[in-house]
Structures are given as C-alpha cells and as structure tokens.
PDB file of all heavy atoms in Angstrom:
ATOM      1  N   SER A   1     113.425 117.459 106.540  1.00  0.00           N
ATOM      2  CA  SER A   1     112.995 117.445 105.089  1.00  0.00           C
ATOM      3  C   SER A   1     112.027 116.335 104.826  1.00  0.00           C
ATOM      4  O   SER A   1     111.063 116.557 104.137  1.00  0.00           O
ATOM      5  CB  SER A   1     114.157 117.200 104.275  1.00  0.00           C
ATOM      6  OG  SER A   1     115.166 118.295 104.419  1.00  0.00           O
ATOM      7  N   VAL A   2     112.241 115.172 105.490  1.00  0.00           N
ATOM      8  CA  VAL A   2     111.363 114.009 105.363  1.00  0.00           C
ATOM      9  C   VAL A   2     109.820 114.580 105.993  1.00  0.00           C
ATOM     10  O   VAL A   2     108.852 114.294 105.429  1.00  0.00           O
ATOM     11  CB  VAL A   2     111.754 112.841 106.107  1.00  0.00           C
ATOM     12  CG1 VAL A   2     110.693 111.734 106.244  1.00  0.00           C
ATOM     13  CG2 VAL A   2     112.927 112.291 105.210  1.00  0.00           C
ATOM     14  N   CYS A   3     109.875 115.193 107.147  1.00  0.00           N
ATOM     15  CA  CYS A   3     108.713 115.722 107.781  1.00  0.00           C
ATOM     16  C   CYS A   3     107.912 116.640 106.806  1.00  0.00           C
ATOM     17  O   CYS A   3     106.768 116.625 106.697  1.00  0.00           O
ATOM     18  CB  CYS A   3     108.955 116.413 109.064  1.00  0.00           C
ATOM     19  SG  CYS A   3     109.531 115.306 110.401  1.00  0.00           S
ATOM     20  N   GLY A   4     108.775 117.594 106.105  1.00  0.00           N
ATOM     21  CA  GLY A   4     108.174 118.415 105.252  1.00  0.00           C
ATOM     22  C   GLY A   4     107.428 117.706 104.088  1.00  0.00           C
ATOM     23  O   GLY A   4     106.386 118.062 103.551  1.00  0.00           O
ATOM     24  N   LEU A   5     108.154 116.809 103.564  1.00  0.00           N
ATOM     25  CA  LEU A   5     107.617 116.012 102.402  1.00  0.00           C
ATOM     26  C   LEU A   5     106.338 115.085 102.782  1.00  0.00           C
ATOM     27  O   LEU A   5     105.367 115.167 102.110  1.00  0.00           O
ATOM     28  CB  LEU A   5     108.624 115.002 101.792  1.00  0.00           C
ATOM     29  CG  LEU A   5     109.814 115.537 101.028  1.00  0.00           C
ATOM     30  CD1 LEU A   5     110.907 114.650 100.813  1.00  0.00           C
ATOM     31  CD2 LEU A   5     109.370 116.274  99.843  1.00  0.00           C
ATOM     32  N   VAL A   6     106.350 114.618 103.978  1.00  0.00           N
ATOM     33  CA  VAL A   6     105.097 113.886 104.468  1.00  0.00           C
ATOM     34  C   VAL A   6     103.946 114.974 104.656  1.00  0.00           C
ATOM     35  O   VAL A   6     102.835 114.667 104.336  1.00  0.00           O
ATOM     36  CB  VAL A   6     105.399 113.224 105.797  1.00  0.00           C
ATOM     37  CG1 VAL A   6     104.140 112.702 106.425  1.00  0.00           C
ATOM     38  CG2 VAL A   6     106.373 111.943 105.562  1.00  0.00           C
ATOM     39  N   SER A   7     104.294 116.110 105.214  1.00  0.00           N
ATOM     40  CA  SER A   7     103.181 117.128 105.403  1.00  0.00           C
ATOM     41  C   SER A   7     102.656 117.680 104.118  1.00  0.00           C
ATOM     42  O   SER A   7     101.455 117.944 103.950  1.00  0.00           O
ATOM     43  CB  SER A   7     103.729 118.197 106.343  1.00  0.00           C
ATOM     44  OG  SER A   7     104.617 119.016 105.640  1.00  0.00           O
ATOM     45  N   LEU A   8     103.597 117.732 103.082  1.00  0.00           N
ATOM     46  CA  LEU A   8     103.158 118.214 101.848  1.00  0.00           C
ATOM     47  C   LEU A   8     102.285 117.043 101.144  1.00  0.00           C
ATOM     48  O   LEU A   8     101.228 117.298 100.445  1.00  0.00           O
ATOM     49  CB  LEU A   8     104.325 118.467 100.819  1.00  0.00           C
ATOM     50  CG  LEU A   8     104.054 118.843  99.402  1.00  0.00           C
ATOM     51  CD1 LEU A   8     103.255 120.255  99.479  1.00  0.00           C
ATOM     52  CD2 LEU A   8     105.215 119.095  98.557  1.00  0.00           C
ATOM     53  N   ALA A   9     102.571 115.816 101.297  1.00  0.00           N
ATOM     54  CA  ALA A   9     101.800 114.772 100.698  1.00  0.00           C
ATOM     55  C   ALA A   9     100.411 114.617 101.165  1.00  0.00           C
ATOM     56  O   ALA A   9      99.501 114.330 100.522  1.00  0.00           O
ATOM     57  CB  ALA A   9     102.558 113.356 100.942  1.00  0.00           C
ATOM     58  N   VAL A  10     100.232 114.934 102.522  1.00  0.00           N
ATOM     59  CA  VAL A  10      98.904 114.805 103.030  1.00  0.00           C
ATOM     60  C   VAL A  10      98.115 116.198 103.335  1.00  0.00           C
ATOM     61  O   VAL A  10      97.028 116.216 103.808  1.00  0.00           O
ATOM     62  CB  VAL A  10      98.993 114.120 104.576  1.00  0.00           C
ATOM     63  CG1 VAL A  10      99.555 112.757 104.473  1.00  0.00           C
ATOM     64  CG2 VAL A  10      99.927 115.014 105.610  1.00  0.00           C
ATOM     65  N   TRP A  11      98.776 117.277 102.656  1.00  0.00           N
ATOM     66  CA  TRP A  11      98.071 118.551 102.813  1.00  0.00           C
ATOM     67  C   TRP A  11      96.893 118.710 101.795  1.00  0.00           C
ATOM     68  O   TRP A  11      95.871 119.278 102.132  1.00  0.00           O
ATOM     69  CB  TRP A  11      99.137 119.639 102.503  1.00  0.00           C
ATOM     70  CG  TRP A  11      98.487 120.979 102.481  1.00  0.00           C
ATOM     71  CD1 TRP A  11      97.935 121.658 103.636  1.00  0.00           C
ATOM     72  CD2 TRP A  11      98.232 121.807 101.345  1.00  0.00           C
ATOM     73  NE1 TRP A  11      97.467 122.934 103.261  1.00  0.00           N
ATOM     74  CE2 TRP A  11      97.553 123.090 101.867  1.00  0.00           C
ATOM     75  CE3 TRP A  11      98.479 121.797  99.941  1.00  0.00           C
ATOM     76  CZ2 TRP A  11      97.258 124.063 101.027  1.00  0.00           C
ATOM     77  CZ3 TRP A  11      97.992 122.763  99.168  1.00  0.00           C
ATOM     78  CH2 TRP A  11      97.349 123.892  99.787  1.00  0.00           C
ATOM     79  N   PHE A  12      96.945 118.015 100.638  1.00  0.00           N
ATOM     80  CA  PHE A  12      96.095 118.154  99.666  1.00  0.00           C
ATOM     81  C   PHE A  12      94.713 117.443  99.949  1.00  0.00           C
ATOM     82  O   PHE A  12      94.683 116.467 100.654  1.00  0.00           O
ATOM     83  CB  PHE A  12      96.426 117.611  98.291  1.00  0.00           C
ATOM     84  CG  PHE A  12      97.695 118.160  97.802  1.00  0.00           C
ATOM     85  CD1 PHE A  12      98.874 117.691  97.889  1.00  0.00           C
ATOM     86  CD2 PHE A  12      97.479 119.432  97.003  1.00  0.00           C
ATOM     87  CE1 PHE A  12     100.023 118.358  97.325  1.00  0.00           C
ATOM     88  CE2 PHE A  12      98.634 120.057  96.504  1.00  0.00           C
ATOM     89  CZ  PHE A  12      99.879 119.477  96.616  1.00  0.00           C
ATOM     90  N   PRO A  13      93.609 118.228  99.739  1.00  0.00           N
ATOM     91  CA  PRO A  13      92.189 117.725 100.300  1.00  0.00           C
ATOM     92  C   PRO A  13      91.944 116.299  99.981  1.00  0.00           C
ATOM     93  O   PRO A  13      91.283 115.554 100.638  1.00  0.00           O
ATOM     94  CB  PRO A  13      91.287 118.685  99.738  1.00  0.00           C
ATOM     95  CG  PRO A  13      92.051 119.985  99.412  1.00  0.00           C
ATOM     96  CD  PRO A  13      93.379 119.550  99.171  1.00  0.00           C
ATOM     97  N   GLN A  14      92.334 115.815  98.649  1.00  0.00           N
ATOM     98  CA  GLN A  14      92.149 114.513  98.241  1.00  0.00           C
ATOM     99  C   GLN A  14      92.792 113.485  99.088  1.00  0.00           C
ATOM    100  O   GLN A  14      92.331 112.287  99.108  1.00  0.00           O
ATOM    101  CB  GLN A  14      92.588 114.434  96.703  1.00  0.00           C
ATOM    102  CG  GLN A  14      91.932 115.237  95.685  1.00  0.00           C
ATOM    103  CD  GLN A  14      92.743 116.626  95.532  1.00  0.00           C
ATOM    104  OE1 GLN A  14      93.441 117.055  96.523  1.00  0.00           O
ATOM    105  NE2 GLN A  14      92.236 117.467  94.626  1.00  0.00           N
ATOM    106  N   VAL A  15      93.773 113.907  99.705  1.00  0.00           N
ATOM    107  CA  VAL A  15      94.580 112.959 100.617  1.00  0.00           C
ATOM    108  C   VAL A  15      94.105 113.200 102.116  1.00  0.00           C
ATOM    109  O   VAL A  15      93.899 112.318 102.872  1.00  0.00           O
ATOM    110  CB  VAL A  15      96.020 113.099 100.341  1.00  0.00           C
ATOM    111  CG1 VAL A  15      96.830 112.121 101.439  1.00  0.00           C
ATOM    112  CG2 VAL A  15      96.497 112.867  99.028  1.00  0.00           C
ATOM    113  N   ASN A  16      93.996 114.547 102.462  1.00  0.00           N
ATOM    114  CA  ASN A  16      93.715 114.910 103.822  1.00  0.00           C
ATOM    115  C   ASN A  16      92.377 114.312 104.272  1.00  0.00           C
ATOM    116  O   ASN A  16      92.462 113.726 105.519  1.00  0.00           O
ATOM    117  CB  ASN A  16      93.779 116.401 103.919  1.00  0.00           C
ATOM    118  CG  ASN A  16      93.620 116.893 105.350  1.00  0.00           C
ATOM    119  OD1 ASN A  16      93.377 116.104 106.159  1.00  0.00           O
ATOM    120  ND2 ASN A  16      93.873 118.158 105.482  1.00  0.00           N
ATOM    121  N   GLU A  17      91.444 114.333 103.598  1.00  0.00           N
ATOM    122  CA  GLU A  17      90.066 113.878 103.972  1.00  0.00           C
ATOM    123  C   GLU A  17      90.062 112.282 104.292  1.00  0.00           C
ATOM    124  O   GLU A  17      89.767 111.898 105.378  1.00  0.00           O
ATOM    125  CB  GLU A  17      89.043 114.045 103.006  1.00  0.00           C
ATOM    126  CG  GLU A  17      88.683 115.565 102.843  1.00  0.00           C
ATOM    127  CD  GLU A  17      88.003 116.155 104.205  1.00  0.00           C
ATOM    128  OE1 GLU A  17      87.350 115.507 104.780  1.00  0.00           O
ATOM    129  OE2 GLU A  17      88.492 117.328 104.506  1.00  0.00           O
ATOM    130  N   PRO A  18      90.727 111.444 103.469  1.00  0.00           N
ATOM    131  CA  PRO A  18      90.735 109.994 103.705  1.00  0.00           C
ATOM    132  C   PRO A  18      91.672 109.745 104.969  1.00  0.00           C
ATOM    133  O   PRO A  18      91.358 108.826 105.694  1.00  0.00           O
ATOM    134  CB  PRO A  18      91.369 109.432 102.466  1.00  0.00           C
ATOM    135  CG  PRO A  18      90.982 110.337 101.419  1.00  0.00           C
ATOM    136  CD  PRO A  18      90.986 111.669 101.955  1.00  0.00           C
ATOM    137  N   VAL A  19      92.685 110.485 105.091  1.00  0.00           N
ATOM    138  CA  VAL A  19      93.645 110.295 106.208  1.00  0.00           C
ATOM    139  C   VAL A  19      92.910 110.640 107.506  1.00  0.00           C
ATOM    140  O   VAL A  19      93.097 109.883 108.591  1.00  0.00           O
ATOM    141  CB  VAL A  19      94.952 111.134 106.089  1.00  0.00           C
ATOM    142  CG1 VAL A  19      95.655 111.215 107.317  1.00  0.00           C
ATOM    143  CG2 VAL A  19      95.765 110.607 104.929  1.00  0.00           C
ATOM    144  N   HIS A  20      92.059 111.659 107.618  1.00  0.00           N
ATOM    145  CA  HIS A  20      91.325 111.998 108.835  1.00  0.00           C
ATOM    146  C   HIS A  20      90.356 110.932 109.145  1.00  0.00           C
ATOM    147  O   HIS A  20      90.124 110.613 110.297  1.00  0.00           O
ATOM    148  CB  HIS A  20      90.657 113.303 108.682  1.00  0.00           C
ATOM    149  CG  HIS A  20      91.461 114.447 109.151  1.00  0.00           C
ATOM    150  ND1 HIS A  20      91.724 114.667 110.480  1.00  0.00           N
ATOM    151  CD2 HIS A  20      92.126 115.459 108.471  1.00  0.00           C
ATOM    152  CE1 HIS A  20      92.296 115.752 110.611  1.00  0.00           C
ATOM    153  NE2 HIS A  20      92.634 116.172 109.456  1.00  0.00           N
ATOM    154  N   ASP A  21      89.881 110.208 108.146  1.00  0.00           N
ATOM    155  CA  ASP A  21      88.869 109.095 108.383  1.00  0.00           C
ATOM    156  C   ASP A  21      89.524 107.737 108.355  1.00  0.00           C
ATOM    157  O   ASP A  21      88.847 106.751 108.609  1.00  0.00           O
ATOM    158  CB  ASP A  21      87.770 109.136 107.297  1.00  0.00           C
ATOM    159  CG  ASP A  21      86.975 110.492 107.224  1.00  0.00           C
ATOM    160  OD1 ASP A  21      86.899 111.132 108.305  1.00  0.00           O
ATOM    161  OD2 ASP A  21      86.630 110.965 106.138  1.00  0.00           O
ATOM    162  N   ALA A  22      90.775 107.803 108.327  1.00  0.00           N
ATOM    163  CA  ALA A  22      91.580 106.397 108.247  1.00  0.00           C
ATOM    164  C   ALA A  22      91.747 105.763 109.742  1.00  0.00           C
ATOM    165  O   ALA A  22      91.352 106.527 110.694  1.00  0.00           O
ATOM    166  CB  ALA A  22      92.857 106.624 107.735  1.00  0.00           C
ATOM    167  N   GLU A  23      92.163 104.540 109.755  1.00  0.00           N
ATOM    168  CA  GLU A  23      92.446 103.984 110.812  1.00  0.00           C
ATOM    169  C   GLU A  23      93.598 104.617 111.703  1.00  0.00           C
ATOM    170  O   GLU A  23      94.359 105.218 111.050  1.00  0.00           O
ATOM    171  CB  GLU A  23      92.699 102.520 110.677  1.00  0.00           C
ATOM    172  CG  GLU A  23      91.486 101.702 110.117  1.00  0.00           C
ATOM    173  CD  GLU A  23      91.785 100.143 110.358  1.00  0.00           C
ATOM    174  OE1 GLU A  23      92.496  99.776 111.195  1.00  0.00           O
ATOM    175  OE2 GLU A  23      91.212  99.502 109.531  1.00  0.00           O
ATOM    176  N   LEU A  24      93.604 104.273 112.976  1.00  0.00           N
ATOM    177  CA  LEU A  24      94.599 104.843 113.902  1.00  0.00           C
ATOM    178  C   LEU A  24      95.988 104.622 113.350  1.00  0.00           C
ATOM    179  O   LEU A  24      96.949 105.277 113.424  1.00  0.00           O
ATOM    180  CB  LEU A  24      94.375 104.229 115.336  1.00  0.00           C
ATOM    181  CG  LEU A  24      95.438 104.630 116.287  1.00  0.00           C
ATOM    182  CD1 LEU A  24      95.383 106.154 116.586  1.00  0.00           C
ATOM    183  CD2 LEU A  24      95.138 103.905 117.601  1.00  0.00           C
ATOM    184  N   ALA A  25      96.294 103.301 112.921  1.00  0.00           N
ATOM    185  CA  ALA A  25      97.646 102.903 112.510  1.00  0.00           C
ATOM    186  C   ALA A  25      98.218 103.768 111.465  1.00  0.00           C
ATOM    187  O   ALA A  25      99.406 104.239 111.551  1.00  0.00           O
ATOM    188  CB  ALA A  25      97.637 101.571 112.016  1.00  0.00           C
ATOM    189  N   LEU A  26      97.353 104.300 110.489  1.00  0.00           N
ATOM    190  CA  LEU A  26      97.947 105.162 109.482  1.00  0.00           C
ATOM    191  C   LEU A  26      98.238 106.646 109.904  1.00  0.00           C
ATOM    192  O   LEU A  26      99.206 107.241 109.744  1.00  0.00           O
ATOM    193  CB  LEU A  26      96.911 105.326 108.277  1.00  0.00           C
ATOM    194  CG  LEU A  26      97.311 106.210 107.200  1.00  0.00           C
ATOM    195  CD1 LEU A  26      98.606 105.813 106.559  1.00  0.00           C
ATOM    196  CD2 LEU A  26      96.170 106.407 106.175  1.00  0.00           C
ATOM    197  N   LYS A  27      97.234 107.018 110.844  1.00  0.00           N
ATOM    198  CA  LYS A  27      97.515 108.407 111.552  1.00  0.00           C
ATOM    199  C   LYS A  27      98.805 108.426 112.364  1.00  0.00           C
ATOM    200  O   LYS A  27      99.534 109.324 112.313  1.00  0.00           O
ATOM    201  CB  LYS A  27      96.321 108.813 112.363  1.00  0.00           C
ATOM    202  CG  LYS A  27      95.103 109.099 111.541  1.00  0.00           C
ATOM    203  CD  LYS A  27      93.968 109.387 112.480  1.00  0.00           C
ATOM    204  CE  LYS A  27      92.626 109.473 111.790  1.00  0.00           C
ATOM    205  NZ  LYS A  27      91.485 109.706 112.773  1.00  0.00           N
ATOM    206  N   TRP A  28      98.985 107.214 113.004  1.00  0.00           N
ATOM    207  CA  TRP A  28     100.115 107.128 113.905  1.00  0.00           C
ATOM    208  C   TRP A  28     101.322 107.166 113.041  1.00  0.00           C
ATOM    209  O   TRP A  28     102.375 107.752 113.426  1.00  0.00           O
ATOM    210  CB  TRP A  28      99.927 105.805 114.743  1.00  0.00           C
ATOM    211  CG  TRP A  28     101.218 105.541 115.582  1.00  0.00           C
ATOM    212  CD1 TRP A  28     101.657 106.174 116.751  1.00  0.00           C
ATOM    213  CD2 TRP A  28     102.097 104.371 115.358  1.00  0.00           C
ATOM    214  NE1 TRP A  28     102.739 105.570 117.244  1.00  0.00           N
ATOM    215  CE2 TRP A  28     103.049 104.544 116.287  1.00  0.00           C
ATOM    216  CE3 TRP A  28     102.135 103.503 114.345  1.00  0.00           C
ATOM    217  CZ2 TRP A  28     104.152 103.615 116.466  1.00  0.00           C
ATOM    218  CZ3 TRP A  28     103.274 102.549 114.484  1.00  0.00           C
ATOM    219  CH2 TRP A  28     104.193 102.674 115.495  1.00  0.00           C
ATOM    220  N   ALA A  29     101.264 106.230 111.981  1.00  0.00           N
ATOM    221  CA  ALA A  29     102.523 106.247 111.210  1.00  0.00           C
ATOM    222  C   ALA A  29     102.935 107.531 110.472  1.00  0.00           C
ATOM    223  O   ALA A  29     104.024 107.861 110.416  1.00  0.00           O
ATOM    224  CB  ALA A  29     102.211 105.236 109.977  1.00  0.00           C
ATOM    225  N   LEU A  30     101.882 108.431 110.239  1.00  0.00           N
ATOM    226  CA  LEU A  30     102.140 109.756 109.683  1.00  0.00           C
ATOM    227  C   LEU A  30     102.706 110.698 110.662  1.00  0.00           C
ATOM    228  O   LEU A  30     103.449 111.599 110.353  1.00  0.00           O
ATOM    229  CB  LEU A  30     100.929 110.346 108.955  1.00  0.00           C
ATOM    230  CG  LEU A  30     100.474 109.679 107.772  1.00  0.00           C
ATOM    231  CD1 LEU A  30      99.123 110.073 107.310  1.00  0.00           C
ATOM    232  CD2 LEU A  30     101.476 109.791 106.604  1.00  0.00           C
TER     233      LEU A  30
END
C-alpha cells in the first residue's frame, strides 16, 4: 500500500518531470 501511494504521488506530470531530473538521492529514496 505504501508502494502504491508513493507511485501515485510521483505519477502526475508536475511531480514526475522534476523527479526524473532530480539528484540520485531522491530517486534512490523513492
């Protein structure tokens, strides 16, 4: 359920684009 909530949070384009361009630490944490 936590995995589903995290995936929902980063699915929206407004969040997805910055996450793809973010530092490695954030991608790793997600």
